[in-house]
Every structure is written in structure tokens, then in C-alpha cells.
């Protein structure tokens, strides 16, 4: 029989700004102010955010390299009545960032979770692309090595708009492979540094975008939106 949900132990999943700190919501700031502990992907990065909003809540490091080890201890703390918020360096936790393991463990232990709405980089990039967004798939980061070609072969026949994340030092490689597997004439849109000072969106065929970034050194974090196969 399922246990009754423990109402006085809660985990808040709190999206943070992806660049411009003004994109924080009132609810997100309020949650971070009122919990007992903030689980942060990088306490140095999140420290700047907390300082900006005069939030003095203690932080604990929680990232992809330690989340497996910490989950059980965090669950114990939540069950003892400690109220926590989970944040990532930018955007919504668990979207290409740590969070899934903890959310699943909370559900298994009947701990109440509240996920706040907020910033996620792929949404403005998708809308701004001009490509169909009534149906789309979010791929996040492609596999670095193992399974990468298999995934690209699978996606070559995908008819929905596809959304990817990519780092600057892998952008050229990824666009080259997109040209190979999807075709150089496939339309795409690339957004970088969303909400920041040097925000930029370039649209065109994959080959046109590849040429553009071959002549302009890629900098920042990228969201690539690719049209589906017609």
C-alpha cells in the first residue's frame, strides 16, 4: 500500500535565469529565500545569483559527478523536515542538467515536489527559429562518441522539428555531421548566448550555417533547431 505523502517535507525544482538575471520569477526568488537548503550545480555560479537577490539560504553542491552518491542522504534530510530547492547553473533542472534522479527518488519516497515554471533555453530558440513548433522533439546533447552515429542515422528520417544543445568547441563537428546525415540544404536556426549581451540567432541551410561559423569562431552556448524531413 502506498504511504501517505509527507506534506511538511518538500523539494522545490526552481528554474534560474539562463543569462539575464531579470528573468527570475517572483516565485522562484521567494522559494529560494524560504527553503532551508539550496542544492546547486555549481555553488560559485549560483552564489552570484543569490548575492544579486540578497538570498542568504545555505547551498550544497549537487552535480552530475556526485548526484548518485548524495541522493539517499538528501532523501533522509527531506524526510526529517528539511525543505530544499534544486537549481542548476542556468535554466530548468533536469533538462540536460542534474535533477531526474532526485525527482524520481522523491516520488518513490512519497515526498512532495513542486516544480516552478521558468526559463529553459530551447523554448525561445525554438520559437525564434521560424521553423514549425506545433510538433518537435528535444534531443539535448548528442552522445559524444558511442551511439552518436546511430542516433544521427535514426534522426535523419525524423519529420518533426529537432532541438539540440551544443558547446562551442563541438559546433563545427556537429554541423558537419548534420550536413552529412540530414543534407546540407536542410533548414536550421542557431541561437547562442540567449538573453545575454551578445545574443545572436542565425538562420539558413545547414551548409550556410556551417560556413558562417567556420568563418566566425563559435563562442557561448548554442541551441540548434533543425527542420524535420519533408
C-alpha atoms as a PDB file:
ATOM      1  CA  UNK A   1       0.000   0.000   0.000  1.00  0.00           C
ATOM      2  CA  UNK A   2       1.327   3.436  -0.934  1.00  0.00           C
ATOM      3  CA  UNK A   3       2.354   5.569   2.000  1.00  0.00           C
ATOM      4  CA  UNK A   4       0.691   8.911   2.647  1.00  0.00           C
ATOM      5  CA  UNK A   5       2.555  11.891   1.201  1.00  0.00           C
ATOM      6  CA  UNK A   6       4.613  13.745   3.797  1.00  0.00           C
ATOM      7  CA  UNK A   7       3.307  17.270   3.400  1.00  0.00           C
ATOM      8  CA  UNK A   8       5.865  19.032   5.591  1.00  0.00           C
ATOM      9  CA  UNK A   9       8.910  17.899   3.597  1.00  0.00           C
ATOM     10  CA  UNK A  10       9.089  19.436   0.162  1.00  0.00           C
ATOM     11  CA  UNK A  11      11.545  19.778  -2.695  1.00  0.00           C
ATOM     12  CA  UNK A  12      11.176  22.780  -4.987  1.00  0.00           C
ATOM     13  CA  UNK A  13      12.530  22.482  -8.526  1.00  0.00           C
ATOM     14  CA  UNK A  14      13.454  26.079  -9.300  1.00  0.00           C
ATOM     15  CA  UNK A  15      14.421  27.316 -12.784  1.00  0.00           C
ATOM     16  CA  UNK A  16      17.028  30.084 -12.826  1.00  0.00           C
ATOM     17  CA  UNK A  17      17.810  32.720 -15.424  1.00  0.00           C
ATOM     18  CA  UNK A  18      19.713  31.499 -18.489  1.00  0.00           C
ATOM     19  CA  UNK A  19      21.595  34.784 -18.742  1.00  0.00           C
ATOM     20  CA  UNK A  20      19.692  37.928 -17.850  1.00  0.00           C
ATOM     21  CA  UNK A  21      19.047  37.872 -14.100  1.00  0.00           C
ATOM     22  CA  UNK A  22      15.829  39.850 -14.614  1.00  0.00           C
ATOM     23  CA  UNK A  23      14.246  36.682 -15.988  1.00  0.00           C
ATOM     24  CA  UNK A  24      13.942  35.192 -12.490  1.00  0.00           C
ATOM     25  CA  UNK A  25      10.322  34.875 -11.404  1.00  0.00           C
ATOM     26  CA  UNK A  26       8.952  36.244  -8.123  1.00  0.00           C
ATOM     27  CA  UNK A  27       8.004  32.703  -7.070  1.00  0.00           C
ATOM     28  CA  UNK A  28      11.500  31.400  -7.771  1.00  0.00           C
ATOM     29  CA  UNK A  29      13.091  34.106  -5.611  1.00  0.00           C
ATOM     30  CA  UNK A  30      10.544  33.519  -2.853  1.00  0.00           C
ATOM     31  CA  UNK A  31      11.192  29.766  -2.883  1.00  0.00           C
ATOM     32  CA  UNK A  32      14.973  30.243  -2.664  1.00  0.00           C
ATOM     33  CA  UNK A  33      14.519  32.656   0.235  1.00  0.00           C
ATOM     34  CA  UNK A  34      12.237  30.381   2.240  1.00  0.00           C
ATOM     35  CA  UNK A  35      13.788  26.904   1.952  1.00  0.00           C
ATOM     36  CA  UNK A  36      16.364  25.624   4.418  1.00  0.00           C
ATOM     37  CA  UNK A  37      18.909  24.488   1.828  1.00  0.00           C
ATOM     38  CA  UNK A  38      19.613  25.054  -1.861  1.00  0.00           C
ATOM     39  CA  UNK A  39      21.109  22.241  -3.927  1.00  0.00           C
ATOM     40  CA  UNK A  40      23.219  23.975  -6.582  1.00  0.00           C
ATOM     41  CA  UNK A  41      25.043  22.559  -9.585  1.00  0.00           C
ATOM     42  CA  UNK A  42      27.944  24.998  -9.061  1.00  0.00           C
ATOM     43  CA  UNK A  43      27.845  26.994  -5.836  1.00  0.00           C
ATOM     44  CA  UNK A  44      30.185  29.631  -7.294  1.00  0.00           C
ATOM     45  CA  UNK A  45      27.890  30.308 -10.241  1.00  0.00           C
ATOM     46  CA  UNK A  46      24.738  30.206  -8.130  1.00  0.00           C
ATOM     47  CA  UNK A  47      26.404  32.372  -5.496  1.00  0.00           C
ATOM     48  CA  UNK A  48      26.333  35.305  -7.923  1.00  0.00           C
ATOM     49  CA  UNK A  49      22.601  34.837  -8.424  1.00  0.00           C
ATOM     50  CA  UNK A  50      21.881  34.606  -4.712  1.00  0.00           C
ATOM     51  CA  UNK A  51      24.019  37.656  -3.986  1.00  0.00           C
ATOM     52  CA  UNK A  52      22.170  39.667  -6.641  1.00  0.00           C
ATOM     53  CA  UNK A  53      18.843  38.959  -4.922  1.00  0.00           C
ATOM     54  CA  UNK A  54      20.236  39.136  -1.356  1.00  0.00           C
ATOM     55  CA  UNK A  55      19.334  35.485  -0.719  1.00  0.00           C
ATOM     56  CA  UNK A  56      21.261  34.080   2.249  1.00  0.00           C
ATOM     57  CA  UNK A  57      19.996  30.478   2.185  1.00  0.00           C
ATOM     58  CA  UNK A  58      22.864  27.962   2.567  1.00  0.00           C
ATOM     59  CA  UNK A  59      23.922  25.992  -0.501  1.00  0.00           C
ATOM     60  CA  UNK A  60      25.185  22.467  -1.066  1.00  0.00           C
ATOM     61  CA  UNK A  61      26.899  21.248  -4.231  1.00  0.00           C
ATOM     62  CA  UNK A  62      24.783  18.816  -6.263  1.00  0.00           C
ATOM     63  CA  UNK A  63      26.005  17.981  -9.765  1.00  0.00           C
ATOM     64  CA  UNK A  64      26.357  15.134 -12.268  1.00  0.00           C
ATOM     65  CA  UNK A  65      29.529  13.816 -10.617  1.00  0.00           C
ATOM     66  CA  UNK A  66      28.097  13.425  -7.104  1.00  0.00           C
ATOM     67  CA  UNK A  67      24.326  13.079  -7.513  1.00  0.00           C
ATOM     68  CA  UNK A  68      24.337   9.261  -7.359  1.00  0.00           C
ATOM     69  CA  UNK A  69      26.221   9.361  -4.047  1.00  0.00           C
ATOM     70  CA  UNK A  70      24.090  12.101  -2.490  1.00  0.00           C
ATOM     71  CA  UNK A  71      20.545  11.086  -3.392  1.00  0.00           C
ATOM     72  CA  UNK A  72      19.936   8.823  -0.376  1.00  0.00           C
ATOM     73  CA  UNK A  73      21.345  11.390   2.073  1.00  0.00           C
ATOM     74  CA  UNK A  74      19.221  14.135   0.570  1.00  0.00           C
ATOM     75  CA  UNK A  75      16.109  11.973   0.828  1.00  0.00           C
ATOM     76  CA  UNK A  76      16.897  11.379   4.508  1.00  0.00           C
ATOM     77  CA  UNK A  77      17.167  15.124   5.088  1.00  0.00           C
ATOM     78  CA  UNK A  78      13.909  15.809   3.272  1.00  0.00           C
ATOM     79  CA  UNK A  79      12.143  13.160   5.331  1.00  0.00           C
ATOM     80  CA  UNK A  80      13.493  14.752   8.510  1.00  0.00           C
ATOM     81  CA  UNK A  81      11.751  18.022   7.591  1.00  0.00           C
ATOM     82  CA  UNK A  82      14.467  19.967   5.772  1.00  0.00           C
ATOM     83  CA  UNK A  83      12.913  21.971   2.931  1.00  0.00           C
ATOM     84  CA  UNK A  84      15.111  22.235  -0.165  1.00  0.00           C
ATOM     85  CA  UNK A  85      15.289  23.822  -3.573  1.00  0.00           C
ATOM     86  CA  UNK A  86      17.154  22.338  -6.513  1.00  0.00           C
ATOM     87  CA  UNK A  87      18.712  24.709  -9.048  1.00  0.00           C
ATOM     88  CA  UNK A  88      21.139  24.317 -11.940  1.00  0.00           C
ATOM     89  CA  UNK A  89      23.632  26.811 -13.307  1.00  0.00           C
ATOM     90  CA  UNK A  90      21.031  28.103 -15.758  1.00  0.00           C
ATOM     91  CA  UNK A  91      17.538  27.132 -16.840  1.00  0.00           C
ATOM     92  CA  UNK A  92      15.338  24.352 -15.534  1.00  0.00           C
ATOM     93  CA  UNK A  93      16.905  21.497 -13.525  1.00  0.00           C
ATOM     94  CA  UNK A  94      16.697  18.015 -15.101  1.00  0.00           C
ATOM     95  CA  UNK A  95      16.612  19.465 -18.642  1.00  0.00           C
ATOM     96  CA  UNK A  96      20.124  18.382 -19.741  1.00  0.00           C
ATOM     97  CA  UNK A  97      21.143  19.024 -16.124  1.00  0.00           C
ATOM     98  CA  UNK A  98      21.046  17.027 -12.854  1.00  0.00           C
ATOM     99  CA  UNK A  99      17.626  16.540 -11.308  1.00  0.00           C
ATOM    100  CA  UNK A 100      15.954  13.422 -12.667  1.00  0.00           C
ATOM    101  CA  UNK A 101      17.467  11.048 -10.106  1.00  0.00           C
ATOM    102  CA  UNK A 102      16.383  13.186  -7.170  1.00  0.00           C
ATOM    103  CA  UNK A 103      12.869  13.759  -8.503  1.00  0.00           C
ATOM    104  CA  UNK A 104      12.430  10.021  -9.063  1.00  0.00           C
ATOM    105  CA  UNK A 105      13.700   9.244  -5.556  1.00  0.00           C
ATOM    106  CA  UNK A 106      11.294  11.778  -4.047  1.00  0.00           C
ATOM    107  CA  UNK A 107       8.365  10.207  -5.889  1.00  0.00           C
ATOM    108  CA  UNK A 108       9.405   6.754  -4.697  1.00  0.00           C
ATOM    109  CA  UNK A 109       9.550   8.025  -1.108  1.00  0.00           C
ATOM    110  CA  UNK A 110       6.281   9.995  -1.252  1.00  0.00           C
ATOM    111  CA  UNK A 111       7.987  13.343  -0.807  1.00  0.00           C
ATOM    112  CA  UNK A 112       6.022  16.258  -2.214  1.00  0.00           C
ATOM    113  CA  UNK A 113       7.699  18.029  -5.122  1.00  0.00           C
ATOM    114  CA  UNK A 114       6.746  21.366  -6.592  1.00  0.00           C
ATOM    115  CA  UNK A 115       8.236  22.324  -9.948  1.00  0.00           C
ATOM    116  CA  UNK A 116       8.120  26.015 -10.739  1.00  0.00           C
ATOM    117  CA  UNK A 117       7.786  27.258 -14.329  1.00  0.00           C
ATOM    118  CA  UNK A 118      10.641  29.316 -15.677  1.00  0.00           C
ATOM    119  CA  UNK A 119      13.468  29.741 -18.123  1.00  0.00           C
ATOM    120  CA  UNK A 120      14.585  26.959 -20.452  1.00  0.00           C
ATOM    121  CA  UNK A 121      16.958  27.831 -23.302  1.00  0.00           C
ATOM    122  CA  UNK A 122      15.383  25.699 -26.020  1.00  0.00           C
ATOM    123  CA  UNK A 123      11.944  27.344 -25.843  1.00  0.00           C
ATOM    124  CA  UNK A 124      12.917  30.864 -27.016  1.00  0.00           C
ATOM    125  CA  UNK A 125      15.340  29.358 -29.543  1.00  0.00           C
ATOM    126  CA  UNK A 126      12.596  27.146 -30.990  1.00  0.00           C
ATOM    127  CA  UNK A 127      10.033  29.931 -31.206  1.00  0.00           C
ATOM    128  CA  UNK A 128      12.597  32.337 -32.666  1.00  0.00           C
ATOM    129  CA  UNK A 129      13.707  29.852 -35.325  1.00  0.00           C
ATOM    130  CA  UNK A 130      10.711  30.318 -37.590  1.00  0.00           C
ATOM    131  CA  UNK A 131      10.539  26.551 -38.022  1.00  0.00           C
ATOM    132  CA  UNK A 132       7.358  24.574 -37.247  1.00  0.00           C
ATOM    133  CA  UNK A 133       6.916  24.200 -33.499  1.00  0.00           C
ATOM    134  CA  UNK A 134       3.492  22.595 -33.248  1.00  0.00           C
ATOM    135  CA  UNK A 135       5.341  19.282 -33.045  1.00  0.00           C
ATOM    136  CA  UNK A 136       9.005  18.972 -32.097  1.00  0.00           C
ATOM    137  CA  UNK A 137      11.475  16.738 -30.309  1.00  0.00           C
ATOM    138  CA  UNK A 138      14.109  17.819 -27.810  1.00  0.00           C
ATOM    139  CA  UNK A 139      17.361  15.859 -28.208  1.00  0.00           C
ATOM    140  CA  UNK A 140      19.587  17.925 -25.920  1.00  0.00           C
ATOM    141  CA  UNK A 141      23.265  16.988 -26.272  1.00  0.00           C
ATOM    142  CA  UNK A 142      24.091  14.236 -28.742  1.00  0.00           C
ATOM    143  CA  UNK A 143      26.229  11.340 -27.472  1.00  0.00           C
ATOM    144  CA  UNK A 144      29.886  12.369 -27.521  1.00  0.00           C
ATOM    145  CA  UNK A 145      31.209   9.133 -29.044  1.00  0.00           C
ATOM    146  CA  UNK A 146      29.377   5.852 -28.506  1.00  0.00           C
ATOM    147  CA  UNK A 147      25.980   5.863 -30.161  1.00  0.00           C
ATOM    148  CA  UNK A 148      26.418   9.239 -31.881  1.00  0.00           C
ATOM    149  CA  UNK A 149      26.313   7.987 -35.472  1.00  0.00           C
ATOM    150  CA  UNK A 150      23.486   5.583 -34.674  1.00  0.00           C
ATOM    151  CA  UNK A 151      21.459   8.452 -33.243  1.00  0.00           C
ATOM    152  CA  UNK A 152      22.103  10.669 -36.254  1.00  0.00           C
ATOM    153  CA  UNK A 153      21.074   7.874 -38.617  1.00  0.00           C
ATOM    154  CA  UNK A 154      17.863   7.430 -36.648  1.00  0.00           C
ATOM    155  CA  UNK A 155      17.099  11.173 -36.683  1.00  0.00           C
ATOM    156  CA  UNK A 156      17.743  11.512 -40.434  1.00  0.00           C
ATOM    157  CA  UNK A 157      14.138  10.445 -41.141  1.00  0.00           C
ATOM    158  CA  UNK A 158      12.545  12.430 -38.271  1.00  0.00           C
ATOM    159  CA  UNK A 159       9.739  14.629 -39.639  1.00  0.00           C
ATOM    160  CA  UNK A 160       9.325  16.842 -36.576  1.00  0.00           C
ATOM    161  CA  UNK A 161      11.487  19.874 -35.815  1.00  0.00           C
ATOM    162  CA  UNK A 162      14.529  18.809 -33.784  1.00  0.00           C
ATOM    163  CA  UNK A 163      16.195  20.781 -30.989  1.00  0.00           C
ATOM    164  CA  UNK A 164      19.785  20.210 -29.857  1.00  0.00           C
ATOM    165  CA  UNK A 165      22.188  21.736 -27.347  1.00  0.00           C
ATOM    166  CA  UNK A 166      25.843  22.097 -28.274  1.00  0.00           C
ATOM    167  CA  UNK A 167      29.055  23.513 -26.837  1.00  0.00           C
ATOM    168  CA  UNK A 168      31.239  25.911 -28.855  1.00  0.00           C
ATOM    169  CA  UNK A 169      34.151  23.527 -29.386  1.00  0.00           C
ATOM    170  CA  UNK A 170      31.882  20.841 -30.905  1.00  0.00           C
ATOM    171  CA  UNK A 171      29.634  23.074 -33.006  1.00  0.00           C
ATOM    172  CA  UNK A 172      31.556  22.716 -36.285  1.00  0.00           C
ATOM    173  CA  UNK A 173      31.769  18.933 -35.928  1.00  0.00           C
ATOM    174  CA  UNK A 174      28.042  18.698 -35.200  1.00  0.00           C
ATOM    175  CA  UNK A 175      27.040  20.902 -38.142  1.00  0.00           C
ATOM    176  CA  UNK A 176      29.337  18.910 -40.435  1.00  0.00           C
ATOM    177  CA  UNK A 177      27.622  15.705 -39.338  1.00  0.00           C
ATOM    178  CA  UNK A 178      24.186  17.294 -39.715  1.00  0.00           C
ATOM    179  CA  UNK A 179      25.090  18.144 -43.317  1.00  0.00           C
ATOM    180  CA  UNK A 180      26.193  14.558 -43.885  1.00  0.00           C
ATOM    181  CA  UNK A 181      23.183  12.852 -42.294  1.00  0.00           C
ATOM    182  CA  UNK A 182      20.374  15.400 -42.827  1.00  0.00           C
ATOM    183  CA  UNK A 183      21.576  17.054 -46.028  1.00  0.00           C
ATOM    184  CA  UNK A 184      23.243  20.440 -46.405  1.00  0.00           C
ATOM    185  CA  UNK A 185      20.064  22.063 -47.727  1.00  0.00           C
ATOM    186  CA  UNK A 186      18.037  21.229 -44.595  1.00  0.00           C
ATOM    187  CA  UNK A 187      16.900  24.468 -42.945  1.00  0.00           C
ATOM    188  CA  UNK A 188      18.050  25.240 -39.422  1.00  0.00           C
ATOM    189  CA  UNK A 189      18.436  28.009 -36.874  1.00  0.00           C
ATOM    190  CA  UNK A 190      21.223  28.506 -34.353  1.00  0.00           C
ATOM    191  CA  UNK A 191      20.862  30.671 -31.250  1.00  0.00           C
ATOM    192  CA  UNK A 192      23.679  31.455 -28.865  1.00  0.00           C
ATOM    193  CA  UNK A 193      24.061  33.379 -25.615  1.00  0.00           C
ATOM    194  CA  UNK A 194      20.297  33.710 -25.214  1.00  0.00           C
ATOM    195  CA  UNK A 195      19.208  36.708 -23.075  1.00  0.00           C
ATOM    196  CA  UNK A 196      22.836  37.840 -22.741  1.00  0.00           C
ATOM    197  CA  UNK A 197      24.634  40.878 -24.165  1.00  0.00           C
ATOM    198  CA  UNK A 198      25.872  39.083 -27.294  1.00  0.00           C
ATOM    199  CA  UNK A 199      22.716  37.113 -28.048  1.00  0.00           C
ATOM    200  CA  UNK A 200      22.616  36.029 -31.681  1.00  0.00           C
ATOM    201  CA  UNK A 201      20.385  33.929 -33.931  1.00  0.00           C
ATOM    202  CA  UNK A 202      21.440  32.813 -37.400  1.00  0.00           C
ATOM    203  CA  UNK A 203      19.029  31.091 -39.800  1.00  0.00           C
ATOM    204  CA  UNK A 204      19.609  29.308 -43.092  1.00  0.00           C
ATOM    205  CA  UNK A 205      20.530  25.950 -44.533  1.00  0.00           C
ATOM    206  CA  UNK A 206      22.855  23.714 -42.544  1.00  0.00           C
ATOM    207  CA  UNK A 207      25.647  24.329 -45.049  1.00  0.00           C
ATOM    208  CA  UNK A 208      25.149  28.103 -44.852  1.00  0.00           C
ATOM    209  CA  UNK A 209      25.308  27.995 -41.056  1.00  0.00           C
ATOM    210  CA  UNK A 210      28.372  25.754 -41.160  1.00  0.00           C
ATOM    211  CA  UNK A 211      30.165  28.242 -43.420  1.00  0.00           C
ATOM    212  CA  UNK A 212      29.149  31.135 -41.169  1.00  0.00           C
ATOM    213  CA  UNK A 213      30.601  29.580 -38.026  1.00  0.00           C
ATOM    214  CA  UNK A 214      33.688  28.316 -39.835  1.00  0.00           C
ATOM    215  CA  UNK A 215      34.438  31.982 -40.523  1.00  0.00           C
ATOM    216  CA  UNK A 216      33.376  33.171 -37.073  1.00  0.00           C
ATOM    217  CA  UNK A 217      34.849  31.381 -34.074  1.00  0.00           C
ATOM    218  CA  UNK A 218      31.949  29.859 -32.086  1.00  0.00           C
ATOM    219  CA  UNK A 219      31.584  31.317 -28.600  1.00  0.00           C
ATOM    220  CA  UNK A 220      28.956  30.749 -25.933  1.00  0.00           C
ATOM    221  CA  UNK A 221      26.370  28.014 -25.504  1.00  0.00           C
ATOM    222  CA  UNK A 222      24.329  27.022 -28.552  1.00  0.00           C
ATOM    223  CA  UNK A 223      20.801  25.833 -29.280  1.00  0.00           C
ATOM    224  CA  UNK A 224      20.423  24.287 -32.742  1.00  0.00           C
ATOM    225  CA  UNK A 225      16.955  23.931 -34.218  1.00  0.00           C
ATOM    226  CA  UNK A 226      16.736  21.739 -37.344  1.00  0.00           C
ATOM    227  CA  UNK A 227      13.728  21.288 -39.628  1.00  0.00           C
ATOM    228  CA  UNK A 228      12.331  17.780 -39.867  1.00  0.00           C
ATOM    229  CA  UNK A 229      12.494  15.760 -43.069  1.00  0.00           C
ATOM    230  CA  UNK A 230       9.780  16.700 -45.540  1.00  0.00           C
END
